[in-house]
Amino acid sequence: MLEFAGRFSDPKLLIKDFKYWAVVFKQLPSTLGQCAFILKRETSDFSNVKPEEMYEFPEVCKWYEEKIKNLFGANKFNYYAVMMKEHFVHFNVYPRYAETVSKYGKTWIDEGWPKKLIDIKIEISEDVEKLIINDLKK
């Protein structure tokens, strides 16, 4: 499906498939539940995104934000479309947390709250990754 998306193309990382966008779990997340929203059509420029693709985007955001708030209690969301390493249209989406979250036998701290995100890479076991993915898919 996302053959052009490199490390995001692993089918086990797919959380939800929309008509134009795919929600994919971000390995080595910076915050609990971090995902990427990937346009399912390969293009490297936002100027090539079609109106109908962007029309669907708020629906993707609404689904994701409700899911993360309900599962983990996120307070805010940061959307980044930097595209420096990956040259295809996508957003890295960071749930932000005012409080420490204890989940999956781990303590999750949003080190930058309430300011700018600190883009650290949190190593998690494959088992924890599977639990998060399964919860997000429900």
N, C-alpha and C. Protein backbone atom coordinates (compact mmCIF):
# COMPACT_ATOMS: atom_id res chain seq x y z
N MET A 1 0.82 -1.20 0.00
CA MET A 1 0.00 0.00 0.00
C MET A 1 0.86 1.26 0.00
N LEU A 2 1.81 1.38 0.92
CA LEU A 2 2.65 2.57 1.03
C LEU A 2 4.09 2.23 0.64
N GLU A 3 4.27 1.54 -0.46
CA GLU A 3 5.60 1.07 -0.86
C GLU A 3 6.63 2.19 -0.90
N PHE A 4 6.21 3.39 -1.24
CA PHE A 4 7.11 4.54 -1.36
C PHE A 4 7.52 5.10 0.00
N ALA A 5 6.88 4.64 1.08
CA ALA A 5 7.03 5.28 2.39
C ALA A 5 8.11 4.66 3.27
N GLY A 6 9.00 3.88 2.71
CA GLY A 6 10.14 3.36 3.47
C GLY A 6 9.73 2.68 4.76
N ARG A 7 10.29 3.15 5.87
CA ARG A 7 10.06 2.52 7.17
C ARG A 7 8.61 2.57 7.61
N PHE A 8 7.81 3.44 7.02
CA PHE A 8 6.39 3.52 7.36
C PHE A 8 5.54 2.52 6.58
N SER A 9 6.15 1.79 5.65
CA SER A 9 5.39 0.88 4.79
C SER A 9 5.16 -0.50 5.41
N ASP A 10 5.72 -0.76 6.59
CA ASP A 10 5.54 -2.04 7.25
C ASP A 10 4.07 -2.22 7.63
N PRO A 11 3.38 -3.23 7.09
CA PRO A 11 1.94 -3.40 7.35
C PRO A 11 1.58 -3.54 8.83
N LYS A 12 2.50 -4.05 9.65
CA LYS A 12 2.19 -4.22 11.08
C LYS A 12 2.06 -2.88 11.80
N LEU A 13 2.54 -1.79 11.18
CA LEU A 13 2.48 -0.46 11.79
C LEU A 13 1.20 0.29 11.43
N LEU A 14 0.45 -0.21 10.46
CA LEU A 14 -0.76 0.46 10.02
C LEU A 14 -1.83 0.41 11.10
N ILE A 15 -2.31 1.58 11.50
CA ILE A 15 -3.34 1.69 12.53
C ILE A 15 -4.72 1.80 11.90
N LYS A 16 -4.87 2.72 10.97
CA LYS A 16 -6.18 2.92 10.34
C LYS A 16 -5.97 3.42 8.92
N ASP A 17 -6.81 2.90 8.04
CA ASP A 17 -6.73 3.22 6.63
C ASP A 17 -7.95 4.06 6.25
N PHE A 18 -7.73 5.28 5.81
CA PHE A 18 -8.79 6.14 5.29
C PHE A 18 -8.71 6.10 3.77
N LYS A 19 -9.60 6.80 3.10
CA LYS A 19 -9.59 6.78 1.64
C LYS A 19 -8.28 7.36 1.09
N TYR A 20 -7.84 8.50 1.64
CA TYR A 20 -6.65 9.17 1.11
C TYR A 20 -5.44 9.16 2.05
N TRP A 21 -5.67 8.85 3.31
CA TRP A 21 -4.61 8.92 4.31
C TRP A 21 -4.50 7.60 5.07
N ALA A 22 -3.30 7.29 5.50
CA ALA A 22 -3.06 6.13 6.37
C ALA A 22 -2.47 6.65 7.68
N VAL A 23 -2.96 6.12 8.80
CA VAL A 23 -2.41 6.43 10.11
C VAL A 23 -1.47 5.29 10.47
N VAL A 24 -0.21 5.61 10.69
CA VAL A 24 0.83 4.61 10.91
C VAL A 24 1.54 4.89 12.23
N PHE A 25 1.73 3.85 13.03
CA PHE A 25 2.44 3.98 14.30
C PHE A 25 3.89 4.38 14.05
N LYS A 26 4.37 5.30 14.85
CA LYS A 26 5.77 5.77 14.74
C LYS A 26 6.64 5.00 15.72
N GLN A 27 7.54 4.19 15.17
CA GLN A 27 8.50 3.48 16.02
C GLN A 27 9.47 4.50 16.61
N LEU A 28 10.01 4.19 17.78
CA LEU A 28 10.83 5.13 18.52
C LEU A 28 10.10 6.46 18.70
N PRO A 29 8.93 6.41 19.32
CA PRO A 29 8.14 7.64 19.47
C PRO A 29 8.78 8.62 20.44
N SER A 30 8.37 9.88 20.32
CA SER A 30 8.79 10.90 21.27
C SER A 30 7.77 11.06 22.38
N THR A 31 6.51 10.75 22.08
CA THR A 31 5.43 10.77 23.08
C THR A 31 4.56 9.55 22.87
N LEU A 32 3.82 9.17 23.90
CA LEU A 32 2.95 8.00 23.86
C LEU A 32 1.88 8.16 22.78
N GLY A 33 1.83 7.21 21.85
CA GLY A 33 0.82 7.21 20.81
C GLY A 33 1.18 7.99 19.56
N GLN A 34 2.42 8.41 19.45
CA GLN A 34 2.83 9.18 18.27
C GLN A 34 2.62 8.36 17.01
N CYS A 35 2.07 9.00 16.00
CA CYS A 35 1.83 8.36 14.71
C CYS A 35 2.24 9.30 13.58
N ALA A 36 2.16 8.78 12.38
CA ALA A 36 2.34 9.59 11.17
C ALA A 36 1.07 9.45 10.34
N PHE A 37 0.63 10.55 9.75
CA PHE A 37 -0.47 10.54 8.80
C PHE A 37 0.17 10.66 7.43
N ILE A 38 0.02 9.64 6.62
CA ILE A 38 0.70 9.57 5.33
C ILE A 38 -0.31 9.63 4.19
N LEU A 39 -0.10 10.55 3.27
CA LEU A 39 -0.92 10.59 2.07
C LEU A 39 -0.65 9.31 1.30
N LYS A 40 -1.69 8.61 0.89
CA LYS A 40 -1.54 7.30 0.27
C LYS A 40 -1.12 7.35 -1.19
N ARG A 41 -0.91 8.53 -1.69
CA ARG A 41 -0.45 8.72 -3.06
C ARG A 41 0.90 9.40 -2.99
N GLU A 42 1.86 8.88 -3.74
CA GLU A 42 3.21 9.43 -3.65
C GLU A 42 3.32 10.79 -4.34
N THR A 43 3.71 11.77 -3.54
CA THR A 43 4.08 13.09 -4.05
C THR A 43 4.96 13.73 -2.99
N SER A 44 5.91 14.52 -3.43
CA SER A 44 6.83 15.13 -2.47
C SER A 44 6.46 16.57 -2.14
N ASP A 45 5.46 17.12 -2.82
CA ASP A 45 5.13 18.53 -2.65
C ASP A 45 3.69 18.71 -2.17
N PHE A 46 3.52 19.55 -1.16
CA PHE A 46 2.17 19.85 -0.69
C PHE A 46 1.34 20.52 -1.78
N SER A 47 1.98 21.22 -2.67
CA SER A 47 1.25 21.89 -3.75
C SER A 47 0.57 20.89 -4.68
N ASN A 48 0.97 19.62 -4.61
CA ASN A 48 0.35 18.58 -5.43
C ASN A 48 -0.79 17.85 -4.72
N VAL A 49 -1.05 18.17 -3.47
CA VAL A 49 -2.13 17.52 -2.74
C VAL A 49 -3.45 18.04 -3.29
N LYS A 50 -4.35 17.09 -3.57
CA LYS A 50 -5.65 17.45 -4.17
C LYS A 50 -6.62 17.92 -3.09
N PRO A 51 -7.55 18.79 -3.48
CA PRO A 51 -8.53 19.29 -2.51
C PRO A 51 -9.29 18.19 -1.77
N GLU A 52 -9.69 17.15 -2.46
CA GLU A 52 -10.43 16.07 -1.80
C GLU A 52 -9.57 15.33 -0.77
N GLU A 53 -8.26 15.29 -1.00
CA GLU A 53 -7.36 14.66 -0.02
C GLU A 53 -7.28 15.51 1.24
N MET A 54 -7.20 16.81 1.08
CA MET A 54 -7.15 17.69 2.25
C MET A 54 -8.51 17.80 2.92
N TYR A 55 -9.57 17.63 2.16
CA TYR A 55 -10.91 17.66 2.74
C TYR A 55 -11.09 16.53 3.77
N GLU A 56 -10.46 15.40 3.50
CA GLU A 56 -10.56 14.26 4.42
C GLU A 56 -9.69 14.43 5.66
N PHE A 57 -8.69 15.27 5.59
CA PHE A 57 -7.70 15.38 6.66
C PHE A 57 -8.31 15.68 8.04
N PRO A 58 -9.27 16.62 8.17
CA PRO A 58 -9.87 16.85 9.50
C PRO A 58 -10.56 15.61 10.07
N GLU A 59 -11.12 14.77 9.21
CA GLU A 59 -11.73 13.52 9.68
C GLU A 59 -10.68 12.60 10.30
N VAL A 60 -9.51 12.53 9.66
CA VAL A 60 -8.40 11.72 10.19
C VAL A 60 -7.96 12.28 11.54
N CYS A 61 -7.80 13.59 11.62
CA CYS A 61 -7.39 14.24 12.87
C CYS A 61 -8.40 13.98 13.98
N LYS A 62 -9.67 14.12 13.67
CA LYS A 62 -10.73 13.93 14.67
C LYS A 62 -10.70 12.51 15.21
N TRP A 63 -10.62 11.52 14.31
CA TRP A 63 -10.57 10.12 14.74
C TRP A 63 -9.37 9.90 15.68
N TYR A 64 -8.20 10.36 15.24
CA TYR A 64 -6.96 10.14 15.99
C TYR A 64 -6.99 10.85 17.34
N GLU A 65 -7.37 12.12 17.34
CA GLU A 65 -7.37 12.88 18.59
C GLU A 65 -8.33 12.28 19.60
N GLU A 66 -9.51 11.88 19.17
CA GLU A 66 -10.46 11.24 20.09
C GLU A 66 -9.90 9.93 20.63
N LYS A 67 -9.30 9.14 19.77
CA LYS A 67 -8.72 7.84 20.17
C LYS A 67 -7.63 8.05 21.21
N ILE A 68 -6.71 8.97 20.97
CA ILE A 68 -5.58 9.19 21.88
C ILE A 68 -6.04 9.82 23.19
N LYS A 69 -6.97 10.74 23.13
CA LYS A 69 -7.51 11.32 24.37
C LYS A 69 -8.17 10.24 25.23
N ASN A 70 -8.97 9.39 24.60
CA ASN A 70 -9.66 8.33 25.34
C ASN A 70 -8.71 7.28 25.89
N LEU A 71 -7.72 6.90 25.12
CA LEU A 71 -6.78 5.86 25.56
C LEU A 71 -5.76 6.35 26.58
N PHE A 72 -5.20 7.54 26.34
CA PHE A 72 -4.04 7.97 27.11
C PHE A 72 -4.20 9.32 27.82
N GLY A 73 -5.26 10.04 27.53
CA GLY A 73 -5.48 11.33 28.20
C GLY A 73 -4.67 12.48 27.65
N ALA A 74 -4.34 12.45 26.37
CA ALA A 74 -3.57 13.55 25.77
C ALA A 74 -4.32 14.87 25.93
N ASN A 75 -3.56 15.95 26.11
CA ASN A 75 -4.13 17.28 26.30
C ASN A 75 -4.12 18.14 25.04
N LYS A 76 -3.20 17.83 24.14
CA LYS A 76 -2.98 18.68 22.96
C LYS A 76 -2.28 17.83 21.90
N PHE A 77 -2.24 18.32 20.67
CA PHE A 77 -1.58 17.59 19.58
C PHE A 77 -0.74 18.57 18.77
N ASN A 78 0.47 18.15 18.43
CA ASN A 78 1.34 18.93 17.55
C ASN A 78 1.48 18.17 16.23
N TYR A 79 1.29 18.89 15.14
CA TYR A 79 1.38 18.32 13.79
C TYR A 79 2.60 18.93 13.10
N TYR A 80 3.50 18.08 12.64
CA TYR A 80 4.71 18.55 11.97
C TYR A 80 4.78 17.93 10.57
N ALA A 81 5.00 18.75 9.57
CA ALA A 81 5.16 18.27 8.20
C ALA A 81 6.52 18.74 7.70
N VAL A 82 7.55 18.18 8.29
CA VAL A 82 8.91 18.64 8.00
C VAL A 82 9.44 18.02 6.71
N MET A 83 9.27 16.74 6.53
CA MET A 83 9.64 15.99 5.32
C MET A 83 11.11 16.18 4.92
N MET A 84 11.99 16.11 5.89
CA MET A 84 13.41 16.26 5.59
C MET A 84 14.05 14.93 5.18
N LYS A 85 13.73 13.86 5.90
CA LYS A 85 14.29 12.54 5.58
C LYS A 85 13.43 11.81 4.57
N GLU A 86 12.12 11.86 4.78
CA GLU A 86 11.18 11.19 3.89
C GLU A 86 10.61 12.22 2.94
N HIS A 87 10.69 11.94 1.66
CA HIS A 87 10.28 12.92 0.65
C HIS A 87 8.91 12.56 0.07
N PHE A 88 7.93 12.44 0.97
CA PHE A 88 6.55 12.22 0.57
C PHE A 88 5.68 12.96 1.57
N VAL A 89 4.50 13.34 1.16
CA VAL A 89 3.63 14.14 2.01
C VAL A 89 3.15 13.32 3.20
N HIS A 90 3.46 13.84 4.38
CA HIS A 90 3.02 13.19 5.62
C HIS A 90 3.17 14.18 6.78
N PHE A 91 2.46 13.88 7.85
CA PHE A 91 2.56 14.64 9.08
C PHE A 91 3.00 13.71 10.19
N ASN A 92 3.97 14.12 10.98
CA ASN A 92 4.26 13.44 12.24
C ASN A 92 3.35 14.09 13.27
N VAL A 93 2.61 13.27 14.01
CA VAL A 93 1.62 13.79 14.95
C VAL A 93 2.03 13.36 16.36
N TYR A 94 2.23 14.36 17.20
CA TYR A 94 2.71 14.14 18.56
C TYR A 94 1.61 14.46 19.56
N PRO A 95 1.07 13.46 20.25
CA PRO A 95 0.17 13.77 21.37
C PRO A 95 1.01 14.43 22.46
N ARG A 96 0.43 15.42 23.15
CA ARG A 96 1.15 16.11 24.20
C ARG A 96 0.42 15.89 25.53
N TYR A 97 1.20 15.78 26.61
CA TYR A 97 0.67 15.41 27.91
C TYR A 97 1.13 16.36 29.00
N ALA A 98 0.16 16.91 29.74
CA ALA A 98 0.47 17.77 30.88
C ALA A 98 0.92 16.95 32.08
N GLU A 99 0.46 15.72 32.14
CA GLU A 99 0.75 14.84 33.28
C GLU A 99 1.52 13.61 32.81
N THR A 100 2.25 13.02 33.72
CA THR A 100 2.93 11.75 33.46
C THR A 100 1.87 10.67 33.26
N VAL A 101 2.10 9.78 32.30
CA VAL A 101 1.18 8.68 32.03
C VAL A 101 1.90 7.37 32.34
N SER A 102 1.25 6.52 33.12
CA SER A 102 1.78 5.17 33.38
C SER A 102 0.93 4.18 32.60
N LYS A 103 1.55 3.54 31.64
CA LYS A 103 0.82 2.62 30.77
C LYS A 103 1.81 1.62 30.19
N TYR A 104 1.38 0.38 30.07
CA TYR A 104 2.19 -0.70 29.50
C TYR A 104 3.45 -0.96 30.32
N GLY A 105 3.35 -0.76 31.63
CA GLY A 105 4.49 -1.00 32.51
C GLY A 105 5.60 0.03 32.36
N LYS A 106 5.26 1.18 31.82
CA LYS A 106 6.26 2.22 31.53
C LYS A 106 5.72 3.57 31.98
N THR A 107 6.61 4.46 32.37
CA THR A 107 6.24 5.83 32.70
C THR A 107 6.59 6.71 31.51
N TRP A 108 5.58 7.42 31.02
CA TRP A 108 5.72 8.28 29.85
C TRP A 108 5.67 9.73 30.31
N ILE A 109 6.72 10.49 30.03
CA ILE A 109 6.80 11.89 30.44
C ILE A 109 7.01 12.75 29.19
N ASP A 110 6.17 13.75 29.02
CA ASP A 110 6.32 14.71 27.94
C ASP A 110 7.27 15.79 28.45
N GLU A 111 8.54 15.61 28.18
CA GLU A 111 9.60 16.45 28.73
C GLU A 111 9.46 17.94 28.38
N GLY A 112 8.87 18.24 27.25
CA GLY A 112 8.79 19.64 26.82
C GLY A 112 7.53 20.37 27.26
N TRP A 113 6.56 19.65 27.79
CA TRP A 113 5.27 20.28 28.14
C TRP A 113 5.47 21.42 29.11
N PRO A 114 4.85 22.55 28.94
CA PRO A 114 3.86 22.93 27.93
C PRO A 114 4.47 23.70 26.77
N LYS A 115 5.75 23.60 26.62
CA LYS A 115 6.44 24.34 25.55
C LYS A 115 6.69 23.45 24.36
N LYS A 116 7.66 23.82 23.59
CA LYS A 116 8.03 23.11 22.37
C LYS A 116 8.35 21.64 22.65
N LEU A 117 7.93 20.80 21.75
CA LEU A 117 8.19 19.37 21.85
C LEU A 117 9.70 19.11 21.88
N ILE A 118 10.12 18.23 22.75
CA ILE A 118 11.50 17.75 22.75
C ILE A 118 11.48 16.43 21.99
N ASP A 119 12.05 16.43 20.80
CA ASP A 119 11.98 15.27 19.91
C ASP A 119 13.03 14.23 20.28
N ILE A 120 12.73 13.50 21.36
CA ILE A 120 13.60 12.41 21.79
C ILE A 120 13.06 11.12 21.19
N LYS A 121 13.83 10.09 21.19
CA LYS A 121 13.40 8.79 20.69
C LYS A 121 13.29 7.85 21.88
N ILE A 122 12.07 7.44 22.21
CA ILE A 122 11.83 6.55 23.34
C ILE A 122 11.88 5.10 22.85
N GLU A 123 12.83 4.37 23.35
CA GLU A 123 12.92 2.96 22.97
C GLU A 123 11.89 2.17 23.75
N ILE A 124 11.12 1.37 23.02
CA ILE A 124 10.13 0.49 23.64
C ILE A 124 10.32 -0.91 23.10
N SER A 125 9.92 -1.88 23.90
CA SER A 125 10.06 -3.27 23.47
C SER A 125 9.04 -3.56 22.37
N GLU A 126 9.30 -4.62 21.65
CA GLU A 126 8.38 -5.05 20.60
C GLU A 126 7.02 -5.41 21.21
N ASP A 127 7.03 -5.97 22.41
CA ASP A 127 5.77 -6.31 23.08
C ASP A 127 4.95 -5.06 23.39
N VAL A 128 5.59 -4.02 23.91
CA VAL A 128 4.89 -2.77 24.21
C VAL A 128 4.38 -2.14 22.91
N GLU A 129 5.20 -2.16 21.88
CA GLU A 129 4.79 -1.63 20.58
C GLU A 129 3.52 -2.34 20.10
N LYS A 130 3.48 -3.65 20.21
CA LYS A 130 2.30 -4.42 19.79
C LYS A 130 1.07 -4.05 20.61
N LEU A 131 1.24 -3.87 21.91
CA LEU A 131 0.12 -3.50 22.77
C LEU A 131 -0.45 -2.13 22.38
N ILE A 132 0.43 -1.17 22.13
CA ILE A 132 -0.02 0.17 21.72
C ILE A 132 -0.77 0.09 20.39
N ILE A 133 -0.18 -0.60 19.43
CA ILE A 133 -0.81 -0.74 18.11
C ILE A 133 -2.17 -1.40 18.23
N ASN A 134 -2.25 -2.48 19.01
CA ASN A 134 -3.54 -3.17 19.18
C ASN A 134 -4.57 -2.25 19.81
N ASP A 135 -4.18 -1.49 20.82
CA ASP A 135 -5.12 -0.57 21.45
C ASP A 135 -5.58 0.52 20.49
N LEU A 136 -4.68 1.02 19.68
CA LEU A 136 -5.04 2.05 18.71
C LEU A 136 -5.98 1.52 17.63
N LYS A 137 -5.87 0.24 17.31
CA LYS A 137 -6.71 -0.36 16.26
C LYS A 137 -8.12 -0.66 16.74
N LYS A 138 -8.34 -0.73 18.04
CA LYS A 138 -9.68 -1.10 18.56
C LYS A 138 -10.71 -0.04 18.26
